[in-house]
Amino acid sequence: MSVLAEYGVRSALAIDKSHNLQAAVQHLHLARSLADTLQAVANGVVAHLGYRLACVNLVRPDGDLVVAALAGNPAAEALITGRVGSRESWERRLSMGERWGDLRFIPHTEGWVLDDDDVPQWHTDGPAPRFEDEWHPSDRLFAPMYYPSASGAPSGELVGVISVDWPLTRRRPRPDERRNLEEFALQAAIAITNTRLRANMQRALVRMEREHKTLRASEESFRQAFEYAPNGMAIAMMGGDQHGRIHRTNDALCRLLDRPAAVLRRYAFSDLVHPEDIGTLLSTSAEGGYAEVRLGRRDGTYLWVSLCSSVVADASDGPRLLLTHIEDIDERKRRELDLAHRASHDALTGLPNSAELHARIDVRLCPLREQKLDTVVPGGFDGPHLDDTDPAQTQHDHVWAPGGDNPRGLAVLFFALRDFKALNTHFGYETGDRVLIEVARRLRHAVRDGDTVARYGGDEFVVLAPELSPADAQTAAESLQSQIHLPVLLTDQTVRMHAGVGIAWAQCGKAPANILRAAREYAS
């Protein structure tokens, strides 16, 4: 396997694991009740993080920990769910063994002393390890969950502990797997905290509506939950000429956006949101809901946040208000966007990869049958005969290969570098990589705004150029080919690359793979 191919395999595995973590975290935030959230934590470990058994131990008000959820073994779930372990025993466990960041690993050589304490546990059977890092049935791995601080980091106050067993790999988790479990434990603590906060606020709101005699006490309870919430909170007006205007904010939101409360009351969320996210905001905030958008800070930068909104009434006959919980998800969102970019772009050149190229072609085409496209309106390049009664056909601006008078179409220009393998063999892969980076740079700077330059294979590049005539496409191909042919100056030598060129035309009803295959054949 070549160095590039081996690197691609490793990158794909890393992205897949990150996607698993992302999916597990997403399910946490979809749960609404505390019980559902706790079960989502256990299920997420088993379904996405590579363990057969997961147990969630939740801190009770008295400090002891109760087995609140379990996934992976119905027999274990029936036996220990609801049982309680003392805080003293849990503190002992979390102070033992090896520290893997926030995780605690107690190998079987040390864990035998815990067999008789009062923590509920399920003993698994299995053979003794055959090699050093193989998982032993008596190994223990704990992921403590801590309340998040205002900055999002663990505060040190324990929410609970996730205990896991039976890695699918049958080995002790690697550093990247440990980081995933550690990150998941932090997200689980945030989800549990948010669920409890929502439940407390909902209970406070119910009391405000149903118990008029205790209205003042309920208002004070709500005020404290609102003012001292670790995440941002806001109340906005609904209806009338003040609809959407921010009426009240807490200190956490003011710090998050670096704006004083008096200034925030001049705005609605629609005034603060990034222009690209206004549609998302408006589609979810009319009657409450969840949205992930970017909000503007005082210095002009934007921060990714989640908005979780619900409609409440100021009094039984008073105006309706929109209560919004604002959580800072900037770091998580940027990681997601970075993962998405890496999944759709070539790591070496930064260009869109073959999968992204297929998607960009496909989004411009509709699945019309090719035989319909083969019928051209007589007397000019007016496209195929279509059934005017079919809205799906009449509302689409069809893309087809040029033909007739004044033709223009979506050109696919395919460039295949000549003798690139020989270059790698003679000068080495590092030189080959530098040549590919330079070719990508030249193509990117030579195309028009709106054109797509992609790396299709190891030594193949594709330019997707809309609204070109056949003559324009030929001229563009020759111009780009001449850029590739220019000498490439390296540290101590100069090399010249040559490229074959193929031109094909994207056409509705044709698969992107077939279009690219045709262009590639011309270039070979």
Protein backbone atom coordinates (compact mmCIF):
# COMPACT_ATOMS: atom_id res chain seq x y z
CA MET A 1 0.00 0.00 0.00
CA SER A 2 1.37 3.46 -0.90
CA VAL A 3 2.04 6.09 1.74
CA LEU A 4 -0.86 8.21 0.46
CA ALA A 5 -3.27 5.26 0.47
CA GLU A 6 -2.20 4.23 3.97
CA TYR A 7 -2.68 7.82 5.16
CA GLY A 8 -6.13 7.85 3.57
CA VAL A 9 -7.15 4.67 5.43
CA ARG A 10 -6.03 6.11 8.76
CA SER A 11 -7.85 9.38 8.07
CA ALA A 12 -11.04 7.52 7.12
CA LEU A 13 -10.94 5.49 10.36
CA ALA A 14 -10.40 8.65 12.43
CA ILE A 15 -13.29 10.41 10.70
CA ASP A 16 -15.53 7.37 11.20
CA LYS A 17 -14.78 7.32 14.95
CA SER A 18 -15.42 11.05 15.18
CA HIS A 19 -18.74 10.54 13.39
CA ASN A 20 -19.61 7.82 15.95
CA LEU A 21 -18.89 10.23 18.80
CA GLN A 22 -20.90 12.95 17.05
CA ALA A 23 -23.87 10.57 16.62
CA ALA A 24 -23.70 9.51 20.28
CA VAL A 25 -23.65 13.14 21.47
CA GLN A 26 -26.50 14.10 19.13
CA HIS A 27 -28.76 11.44 20.68
CA LEU A 28 -28.02 12.86 24.15
CA HIS A 29 -29.44 16.24 23.22
CA LEU A 30 -32.55 14.76 21.59
CA ALA A 31 -33.71 13.18 24.87
CA ARG A 32 -36.21 15.25 26.80
CA SER A 33 -36.66 13.58 30.21
CA LEU A 34 -33.94 12.74 32.73
CA ALA A 35 -34.66 9.02 32.42
CA ASP A 36 -34.40 9.19 28.63
CA THR A 37 -31.16 11.16 28.88
CA LEU A 38 -29.57 8.65 31.27
CA GLN A 39 -30.56 5.74 29.04
CA ALA A 40 -29.23 7.64 26.00
CA VAL A 41 -25.88 7.93 27.81
CA ALA A 42 -25.69 4.15 28.35
CA ASN A 43 -26.96 3.37 24.86
CA GLY A 44 -24.50 5.82 23.27
CA VAL A 45 -21.50 4.07 24.81
CA VAL A 46 -22.67 0.65 23.56
CA ALA A 47 -23.96 1.76 20.15
CA HIS A 48 -21.20 4.16 19.15
CA LEU A 49 -18.09 4.00 21.36
CA GLY A 50 -17.16 0.33 21.07
CA TYR A 51 -18.12 -1.29 24.40
CA ARG A 52 -20.57 -4.14 25.00
CA LEU A 53 -21.67 -2.99 28.45
CA ALA A 54 -22.23 0.46 29.95
CA CYS A 55 -23.67 1.48 33.32
CA VAL A 56 -24.65 5.01 34.40
CA ASN A 57 -24.32 5.68 38.15
CA LEU A 58 -26.05 8.94 39.11
CA VAL A 59 -25.27 11.01 42.22
CA ARG A 60 -28.34 11.27 44.46
CA PRO A 61 -29.12 14.31 46.65
CA ASP A 62 -27.63 12.46 49.66
CA GLY A 63 -24.33 11.99 47.79
CA ASP A 64 -24.55 8.24 47.18
CA LEU A 65 -24.71 6.89 43.62
CA VAL A 66 -27.59 4.87 42.21
CA VAL A 67 -27.47 2.65 39.11
CA ALA A 68 -29.80 4.73 36.93
CA ALA A 69 -29.36 3.12 33.48
CA LEU A 70 -27.61 0.13 31.91
CA ALA A 71 -27.18 -1.04 28.33
CA GLY A 72 -25.74 -4.15 26.71
CA ASN A 73 -26.90 -6.91 29.09
CA PRO A 74 -30.56 -7.43 30.08
CA ALA A 75 -29.60 -9.79 32.92
CA ALA A 76 -27.25 -7.23 34.45
CA GLU A 77 -29.87 -4.51 33.98
CA ALA A 78 -32.48 -6.52 35.87
CA LEU A 79 -30.05 -7.37 38.68
CA ILE A 80 -28.42 -4.04 39.57
CA THR A 81 -30.59 -1.19 38.20
CA GLY A 82 -31.85 0.89 41.12
CA ARG A 83 -29.22 -0.39 43.56
CA VAL A 84 -27.09 2.13 45.47
CA GLY A 85 -23.37 2.37 46.18
CA SER A 86 -21.98 4.63 48.89
CA ARG A 87 -20.11 7.80 47.99
CA GLU A 88 -17.19 6.62 50.12
CA SER A 89 -16.78 3.45 48.04
CA TRP A 90 -16.99 5.42 44.79
CA GLU A 91 -14.42 7.97 45.97
CA ARG A 92 -12.12 5.06 46.74
CA ARG A 93 -12.54 3.68 43.22
CA LEU A 94 -11.92 7.03 41.56
CA SER A 95 -8.71 7.51 43.54
CA MET A 96 -7.27 4.12 42.53
CA GLY A 97 -5.65 2.77 39.39
CA GLU A 98 -4.26 4.60 36.40
CA ARG A 99 -5.34 8.13 35.44
CA TRP A 100 -6.16 8.44 31.74
CA GLY A 101 -7.02 12.13 31.69
CA ASP A 102 -10.35 12.27 33.56
CA LEU A 103 -10.83 8.50 33.13
CA ARG A 104 -9.86 5.98 35.80
CA PHE A 105 -8.62 2.51 34.81
CA ILE A 106 -8.25 -0.17 37.50
CA PRO A 107 -6.54 -3.30 36.15
CA HIS A 108 -7.55 -6.72 37.40
CA THR A 109 -4.31 -6.95 39.35
CA GLU A 110 -5.56 -4.16 41.63
CA GLY A 111 -9.33 -4.35 41.30
CA TRP A 112 -9.79 -7.56 43.25
CA VAL A 113 -9.83 -5.48 46.47
CA LEU A 114 -13.11 -3.91 45.27
CA ASP A 115 -15.00 -7.18 44.82
CA ASP A 116 -16.63 -6.99 48.26
CA ASP A 117 -17.44 -3.28 48.57
CA ASP A 118 -21.02 -2.00 48.40
CA VAL A 119 -20.94 -0.69 44.80
CA PRO A 120 -23.38 -2.65 42.62
CA GLN A 121 -21.42 -4.53 39.98
CA TRP A 122 -21.78 -7.23 37.36
CA HIS A 123 -19.03 -9.81 37.15
CA THR A 124 -18.19 -10.90 33.60
CA ASP A 125 -16.61 -14.17 32.60
CA GLY A 126 -13.94 -14.78 30.03
CA PRO A 127 -10.46 -16.15 29.42
CA ALA A 128 -7.37 -14.59 30.94
CA PRO A 129 -5.47 -12.16 28.67
CA ARG A 130 -3.06 -13.66 26.18
CA PHE A 131 -1.03 -10.52 25.64
CA GLU A 132 -0.16 -7.35 27.53
CA ASP A 133 -2.95 -4.95 26.47
CA GLU A 134 -5.77 -7.48 26.14
CA TRP A 135 -8.85 -6.70 28.22
CA HIS A 136 -9.27 -8.84 31.34
CA PRO A 137 -12.83 -9.69 32.51
CA SER A 138 -11.99 -8.09 35.89
CA ASP A 139 -10.56 -4.86 34.45
CA ARG A 140 -12.56 -1.74 35.36
CA LEU A 141 -12.82 1.55 33.46
CA PHE A 142 -14.70 4.57 34.84
CA ALA A 143 -15.58 7.87 33.15
CA PRO A 144 -16.58 10.44 35.83
CA MET A 145 -19.13 13.05 34.75
CA TYR A 146 -18.62 16.52 36.25
CA TYR A 147 -20.88 19.56 36.17
CA PRO A 148 -19.64 21.95 33.45
CA SER A 149 -18.27 25.30 34.53
CA ALA A 150 -19.16 28.58 32.80
CA SER A 151 -16.28 27.97 30.36
CA GLY A 152 -17.60 24.49 29.47
CA ALA A 153 -14.76 22.64 31.24
CA PRO A 154 -15.46 20.14 34.06
CA SER A 155 -16.03 21.98 37.36
CA GLY A 156 -14.99 19.16 39.71
CA GLU A 157 -18.50 18.61 41.12
CA LEU A 158 -19.54 15.05 40.36
CA VAL A 159 -22.76 14.36 38.41
CA GLY A 160 -22.21 10.62 38.16
CA VAL A 161 -19.93 7.94 36.76
CA ILE A 162 -20.11 5.91 33.55
CA SER A 163 -18.59 2.45 33.98
CA VAL A 164 -17.82 0.46 30.83
CA ASP A 165 -16.80 -3.15 30.13
CA TRP A 166 -16.07 -5.56 27.26
CA PRO A 167 -14.39 -3.44 24.57
CA LEU A 168 -15.32 -4.76 21.14
CA THR A 169 -11.61 -4.79 20.27
CA ARG A 170 -10.93 -6.99 23.34
CA ARG A 171 -8.04 -4.63 24.07
CA ARG A 172 -7.51 -1.78 26.46
CA PRO A 173 -8.69 1.39 24.69
CA ARG A 174 -6.14 3.40 22.73
CA PRO A 175 -5.53 7.12 23.47
CA ASP A 176 -8.00 8.29 20.78
CA GLU A 177 -10.67 5.91 22.14
CA ARG A 178 -10.03 7.21 25.64
CA ARG A 179 -10.42 10.80 24.45
CA ASN A 180 -13.74 9.91 22.79
CA LEU A 181 -15.03 8.37 26.04
CA GLU A 182 -13.77 11.37 28.03
CA GLU A 183 -15.42 13.84 25.64
CA PHE A 184 -18.65 11.81 25.71
CA ALA A 185 -18.67 11.88 29.53
CA LEU A 186 -18.38 15.69 29.45
CA GLN A 187 -21.21 15.96 26.92
CA ALA A 188 -23.29 13.52 29.00
CA ALA A 189 -22.80 15.72 32.10
CA ILE A 190 -23.93 18.76 30.08
CA ALA A 191 -26.99 16.89 28.77
CA ILE A 192 -27.96 15.67 32.27
CA THR A 193 -27.47 19.16 33.72
CA ASN A 194 -29.53 20.75 30.94
CA THR A 195 -32.29 18.14 31.31
CA ARG A 196 -32.47 18.80 35.05
CA LEU A 197 -32.50 22.56 34.43
CA ARG A 198 -35.33 22.23 31.90
CA ALA A 199 -37.26 19.99 34.27
CA ASN A 200 -36.79 22.43 37.15
CA MET A 201 -37.86 25.36 34.99
CA GLN A 202 -40.87 23.50 33.64
CA ARG A 203 -41.93 22.57 37.17
CA ALA A 204 -41.52 26.19 38.21
CA LEU A 205 -43.63 27.34 35.28
CA VAL A 206 -46.38 24.80 36.09
CA ARG A 207 -46.47 26.02 39.66
CA MET A 208 -46.70 29.62 38.47
CA GLU A 209 -49.74 28.77 36.34
CA ARG A 210 -51.57 26.49 38.77
CA GLU A 211 -50.81 27.91 42.18
CA HIS A 212 -51.72 31.58 42.32
CA LYS A 213 -51.27 31.64 46.11
CA THR A 214 -47.59 30.71 45.80
CA LEU A 215 -46.92 33.01 42.84
CA ARG A 216 -44.22 35.05 44.57
CA ALA A 217 -42.31 31.97 45.73
CA SER A 218 -42.53 30.50 42.24
CA GLU A 219 -41.30 33.73 40.66
CA GLU A 220 -38.31 33.76 43.00
CA SER A 221 -37.54 30.13 42.18
CA PHE A 222 -37.70 30.90 38.49
CA ARG A 223 -35.62 34.04 38.93
CA GLN A 224 -32.84 32.13 40.62
CA ALA A 225 -32.93 29.33 38.05
CA PHE A 226 -32.87 31.98 35.31
CA GLU A 227 -30.26 34.33 36.79
CA TYR A 228 -27.83 31.69 38.03
CA ALA A 229 -28.12 29.21 35.19
CA PRO A 230 -24.62 28.21 33.98
CA ASN A 231 -25.68 28.79 30.36
CA GLY A 232 -27.30 31.79 28.72
CA MET A 233 -31.02 32.48 29.25
CA ALA A 234 -33.29 35.03 27.60
CA ILE A 235 -36.96 35.96 27.51
CA ALA A 236 -38.36 37.50 24.33
CA MET A 237 -41.71 39.12 23.61
CA MET A 238 -44.29 37.41 21.39
CA GLY A 239 -46.94 39.22 19.37
CA GLY A 240 -47.55 42.87 18.67
CA ASP A 241 -45.01 45.40 17.44
CA GLN A 242 -42.44 44.14 19.97
CA HIS A 243 -42.54 40.56 18.69
CA GLY A 244 -39.15 38.91 19.04
CA ARG A 245 -37.63 41.73 21.09
CA ILE A 246 -35.38 40.49 23.92
CA HIS A 247 -37.05 41.41 27.20
CA ARG A 248 -34.71 39.91 29.77
CA THR A 249 -31.29 38.18 29.87
CA ASN A 250 -29.08 36.59 32.52
CA ASP A 251 -25.43 37.34 33.25
CA ALA A 252 -24.23 34.17 31.50
CA LEU A 253 -25.67 35.37 28.16
CA CYS A 254 -24.20 38.85 28.62
CA ARG A 255 -20.77 37.30 29.17
CA LEU A 256 -21.21 34.93 26.25
CA LEU A 257 -21.95 37.74 23.77
CA ASP A 258 -19.84 40.37 25.56
CA ARG A 259 -22.81 42.76 25.60
CA PRO A 260 -24.49 44.37 28.65
CA ALA A 261 -28.13 43.51 29.36
CA ALA A 262 -29.27 47.07 28.55
CA VAL A 263 -27.78 46.74 25.04
CA LEU A 264 -29.21 43.27 24.43
CA ARG A 265 -32.72 44.57 25.21
CA ARG A 266 -32.48 46.75 22.08
CA TYR A 267 -32.31 43.68 19.85
CA ALA A 268 -34.22 40.64 18.76
CA PHE A 269 -32.34 37.37 18.14
CA SER A 270 -32.94 37.95 14.43
CA ASP A 271 -30.79 41.12 14.72
CA LEU A 272 -27.90 39.19 16.28
CA VAL A 273 -27.93 36.01 14.20
CA HIS A 274 -25.55 35.44 11.27
CA PRO A 275 -27.27 36.31 7.96
CA GLU A 276 -26.82 32.75 6.70
CA ASP A 277 -28.66 31.38 9.76
CA ILE A 278 -31.70 33.68 9.75
CA GLY A 279 -33.82 31.08 7.93
CA THR A 280 -32.98 28.44 10.52
CA LEU A 281 -33.89 30.81 13.35
CA LEU A 282 -37.22 31.89 11.85
CA SER A 283 -38.27 28.32 11.04
CA THR A 284 -37.80 27.11 14.63
CA SER A 285 -38.55 30.04 16.94
CA ALA A 286 -42.15 30.90 16.05
CA GLU A 287 -43.63 28.51 18.63
CA GLY A 288 -40.47 27.30 20.31
CA GLY A 289 -38.03 24.58 19.26
CA TYR A 290 -34.33 23.85 18.85
CA ALA A 291 -31.88 25.55 16.52
CA GLU A 292 -28.12 25.79 16.08
CA VAL A 293 -27.09 29.23 14.82
CA ARG A 294 -24.29 31.79 15.04
CA LEU A 295 -24.81 34.87 17.22
CA GLY A 296 -22.77 38.05 16.88
CA ARG A 297 -20.51 39.23 19.68
CA ARG A 298 -19.58 42.84 20.37
CA ASP A 299 -16.21 42.50 18.61
CA GLY A 300 -17.90 41.49 15.35
CA THR A 301 -17.10 37.77 15.60
CA TYR A 302 -19.75 35.06 15.60
CA LEU A 303 -20.21 32.23 18.10
CA TRP A 304 -22.05 28.95 17.46
CA VAL A 305 -24.83 28.42 20.01
CA SER A 306 -27.84 26.17 20.44
CA LEU A 307 -31.19 27.85 21.10
CA CYS A 308 -33.77 25.75 22.93
CA SER A 309 -37.00 27.76 23.19
CA SER A 310 -40.41 27.19 24.73
CA VAL A 311 -43.51 29.38 24.93
CA VAL A 312 -44.65 30.47 28.41
CA ALA A 313 -47.23 32.92 29.72
CA ASP A 314 -46.34 35.85 31.95
CA ALA A 315 -49.62 35.29 33.83
CA SER A 316 -52.81 33.34 33.29
CA ASP A 317 -54.25 36.17 31.19
CA GLY A 318 -51.00 37.93 30.33
CA PRO A 319 -48.87 38.03 27.18
CA ARG A 320 -47.05 35.00 25.87
CA LEU A 321 -43.26 34.99 26.11
CA LEU A 322 -40.52 32.94 24.52
CA LEU A 323 -38.10 31.44 27.04
CA THR A 324 -34.80 30.55 25.36
CA HIS A 325 -31.89 28.53 26.73
CA ILE A 326 -28.61 29.44 24.95
CA GLU A 327 -25.69 27.00 25.11
CA ASP A 328 -22.19 27.66 23.77
CA ILE A 329 -21.47 24.89 21.22
CA ASP A 330 -18.77 26.77 19.31
CA GLU A 331 -15.99 24.24 19.92
CA ARG A 332 -18.18 21.23 19.13
CA LYS A 333 -19.63 22.87 16.01
CA ARG A 334 -16.24 23.85 14.68
CA ARG A 335 -15.03 20.28 15.20
CA GLU A 336 -18.07 19.02 13.27
CA LEU A 337 -17.44 21.49 10.43
CA ASP A 338 -13.76 20.55 10.38
CA LEU A 339 -14.64 16.85 10.21
CA ALA A 340 -17.15 17.52 7.42
CA HIS A 341 -14.52 19.52 5.50
CA ARG A 342 -11.92 16.79 5.93
CA ALA A 343 -14.43 14.17 4.77
CA SER A 344 -15.17 16.13 1.58
CA HIS A 345 -11.73 17.59 0.77
CA ASP A 346 -8.34 16.17 -0.14
CA ALA A 347 -5.95 16.35 2.83
CA LEU A 348 -2.88 17.15 0.69
CA THR A 349 -4.14 19.88 -1.64
CA GLY A 350 -7.21 21.16 0.21
CA LEU A 351 -9.31 20.69 -2.96
CA PRO A 352 -12.71 18.98 -3.00
CA ASN A 353 -12.25 15.22 -3.28
CA SER A 354 -13.98 12.79 -5.64
CA ALA A 355 -16.99 12.28 -3.36
CA GLU A 356 -17.56 16.03 -3.08
CA LEU A 357 -17.12 16.41 -6.87
CA HIS A 358 -19.79 13.75 -7.49
CA ALA A 359 -22.11 15.59 -5.09
CA ARG A 360 -21.56 18.99 -6.78
CA ILE A 361 -22.34 17.51 -10.18
CA ASP A 362 -25.30 15.55 -8.87
CA VAL A 363 -26.93 18.58 -7.21
CA ARG A 364 -27.15 20.31 -10.61
CA LEU A 365 -28.81 17.36 -12.36
CA CYS A 366 -32.22 15.77 -12.20
CA PRO A 367 -32.93 12.06 -12.81
CA LEU A 368 -34.63 12.46 -16.21
CA ARG A 369 -34.40 9.34 -18.35
CA GLU A 370 -31.64 9.68 -20.91
CA GLN A 371 -33.92 8.86 -23.83
CA LYS A 372 -35.97 11.99 -23.09
CA LEU A 373 -32.84 14.10 -23.13
CA ASP A 374 -31.81 12.65 -26.47
CA THR A 375 -34.80 14.38 -28.10
CA VAL A 376 -33.83 17.96 -28.92
CA VAL A 377 -36.29 20.66 -29.90
CA PRO A 378 -35.87 21.35 -33.65
CA GLY A 379 -34.38 24.64 -34.73
CA GLY A 380 -32.02 25.32 -31.86
CA PHE A 381 -30.52 24.36 -28.54
CA ASP A 382 -33.73 24.52 -26.50
CA GLY A 383 -33.38 21.24 -24.61
CA PRO A 384 -35.42 18.02 -24.53
CA HIS A 385 -39.15 17.68 -25.09
CA LEU A 386 -40.77 17.62 -21.65
CA ASP A 387 -44.20 16.79 -20.33
CA ASP A 388 -45.66 20.18 -19.38
CA THR A 389 -48.07 18.47 -16.96
CA ASP A 390 -45.18 17.23 -14.82
CA PRO A 391 -44.26 20.00 -12.32
CA ALA A 392 -40.98 18.26 -11.44
CA GLN A 393 -39.87 18.69 -15.06
CA THR A 394 -41.21 22.16 -15.83
CA GLN A 395 -39.80 23.78 -12.65
CA HIS A 396 -36.23 22.48 -13.15
CA ASP A 397 -33.59 24.35 -15.19
CA HIS A 398 -32.35 21.30 -17.07
CA VAL A 399 -28.65 20.76 -17.77
CA TRP A 400 -27.67 19.00 -20.98
CA ALA A 401 -24.73 18.71 -23.34
CA PRO A 402 -24.28 21.59 -25.84
CA GLY A 403 -25.87 21.34 -29.25
CA GLY A 404 -27.72 23.64 -31.67
CA ASP A 405 -27.32 27.42 -31.86
CA ASN A 406 -25.35 29.37 -29.24
CA PRO A 407 -24.80 26.30 -27.05
CA ARG A 408 -23.70 26.52 -23.46
CA GLY A 409 -23.47 23.78 -20.86
CA LEU A 410 -21.81 22.46 -17.73
CA ALA A 411 -18.30 21.43 -18.86
CA VAL A 412 -16.26 18.78 -17.06
CA LEU A 413 -12.53 19.26 -17.78
CA PHE A 414 -10.43 16.24 -16.77
CA PHE A 415 -6.62 16.50 -16.39
CA ALA A 416 -4.48 13.38 -15.99
CA LEU A 417 -0.80 14.01 -15.17
CA ARG A 418 1.68 12.09 -17.31
CA ASP A 419 4.54 10.05 -15.83
CA PHE A 420 3.64 11.02 -12.28
CA LYS A 421 4.47 7.57 -10.94
CA ALA A 422 7.91 7.83 -12.55
CA LEU A 423 8.37 11.21 -10.83
CA ASN A 424 7.57 9.62 -7.46
CA THR A 425 9.94 6.76 -8.14
CA HIS A 426 12.81 9.00 -9.24
CA PHE A 427 12.49 11.95 -6.84
CA GLY A 428 10.50 10.45 -3.96
CA TYR A 429 6.97 10.87 -2.62
CA GLU A 430 7.73 14.17 -0.87
CA THR A 431 8.64 15.75 -4.20
CA GLY A 432 5.55 14.23 -5.76
CA ASP A 433 3.38 15.77 -3.05
CA ARG A 434 4.94 19.20 -3.63
CA VAL A 435 4.22 18.94 -7.35
CA LEU A 436 0.57 18.02 -6.68
CA ILE A 437 0.20 20.97 -4.31
CA GLU A 438 1.65 23.33 -6.93
CA VAL A 439 -0.60 21.98 -9.70
CA ALA A 440 -3.62 22.42 -7.43
CA ARG A 441 -2.57 26.00 -6.64
CA ARG A 442 -2.19 26.89 -10.32
CA LEU A 443 -5.55 25.44 -11.29
CA ARG A 444 -7.32 27.14 -8.40
CA HIS A 445 -5.92 30.55 -9.37
CA ALA A 446 -6.57 30.11 -13.08
CA VAL A 447 -10.30 29.27 -13.01
CA ARG A 448 -13.24 31.66 -12.77
CA ASP A 449 -15.17 32.46 -9.61
CA GLY A 450 -17.86 29.79 -9.30
CA ASP A 451 -15.82 27.06 -11.02
CA THR A 452 -14.88 23.96 -9.00
CA VAL A 453 -11.37 22.51 -8.95
CA ALA A 454 -11.18 19.00 -7.44
CA ARG A 455 -8.57 16.33 -6.99
CA TYR A 456 -10.19 13.23 -8.45
CA GLY A 457 -7.42 10.68 -7.95
CA GLY A 458 -3.73 10.42 -7.15
CA ASP A 459 -2.60 12.26 -10.29
CA GLU A 460 -5.96 13.43 -11.67
CA PHE A 461 -7.68 16.81 -11.38
CA VAL A 462 -11.12 17.92 -12.55
CA VAL A 463 -12.50 21.40 -13.23
CA LEU A 464 -16.29 21.83 -13.21
CA ALA A 465 -17.16 24.93 -15.27
CA PRO A 466 -20.78 26.01 -15.94
CA GLU A 467 -22.06 28.13 -18.83
CA LEU A 468 -19.32 27.29 -21.35
CA SER A 469 -19.65 26.81 -25.08
CA PRO A 470 -17.60 24.04 -26.75
CA ALA A 471 -15.11 26.64 -27.98
CA ASP A 472 -14.88 28.21 -24.51
CA ALA A 473 -14.35 24.79 -22.95
CA GLN A 474 -11.54 23.98 -25.40
CA THR A 475 -9.88 27.35 -24.74
CA ALA A 476 -10.19 26.92 -20.97
CA ALA A 477 -8.78 23.38 -21.13
CA GLU A 478 -5.78 24.51 -23.18
CA SER A 479 -5.13 27.46 -20.86
CA LEU A 480 -5.25 25.27 -17.76
CA GLN A 481 -3.10 22.64 -19.46
CA SER A 482 -0.46 25.30 -20.20
CA GLN A 483 -0.43 26.21 -16.49
CA ILE A 484 0.30 22.60 -15.60
CA HIS A 485 3.10 22.45 -18.20
CA LEU A 486 5.01 25.37 -16.64
CA PRO A 487 8.21 24.35 -14.84
CA VAL A 488 7.89 23.48 -11.15
CA LEU A 489 10.86 24.88 -9.23
CA LEU A 490 11.86 22.66 -6.30
CA THR A 491 14.69 23.14 -3.81
CA ASP A 492 17.50 21.82 -5.97
CA GLN A 493 15.87 20.88 -9.24
CA THR A 494 13.18 21.85 -11.73
CA VAL A 495 10.59 19.43 -13.09
CA ARG A 496 7.99 19.72 -15.82
CA MET A 497 4.66 17.98 -15.76
CA HIS A 498 2.44 17.22 -18.73
CA ALA A 499 -1.23 16.38 -18.61
CA GLY A 500 -3.74 14.76 -20.90
CA VAL A 501 -7.06 16.61 -21.17
CA GLY A 502 -10.57 15.29 -21.59
CA ILE A 503 -13.80 17.29 -21.92
CA ALA A 504 -17.27 15.93 -21.17
CA TRP A 505 -20.61 17.58 -20.52
CA ALA A 506 -22.84 17.12 -17.50
CA GLN A 507 -26.34 16.17 -18.57
CA CYS A 508 -29.59 15.64 -16.67
CA GLY A 509 -30.40 11.95 -16.42
CA LYS A 510 -26.74 10.87 -16.46
CA ALA A 511 -24.89 9.65 -13.39
CA PRO A 512 -21.88 11.77 -12.33
CA ALA A 513 -19.69 8.65 -12.44
CA ASN A 514 -20.55 8.10 -16.12
CA ILE A 515 -19.85 11.75 -16.96
CA LEU A 516 -16.47 11.66 -15.26
CA ARG A 517 -15.64 8.31 -16.83
CA ALA A 518 -16.24 9.78 -20.29
CA ALA A 519 -13.99 12.77 -19.57
CA ARG A 520 -11.32 10.48 -18.16
CA GLU A 521 -11.31 8.33 -21.31
CA TYR A 522 -10.66 11.40 -23.44
CA ALA A 523 -7.80 12.41 -21.15
CA SER A 524 -6.08 9.01 -21.20
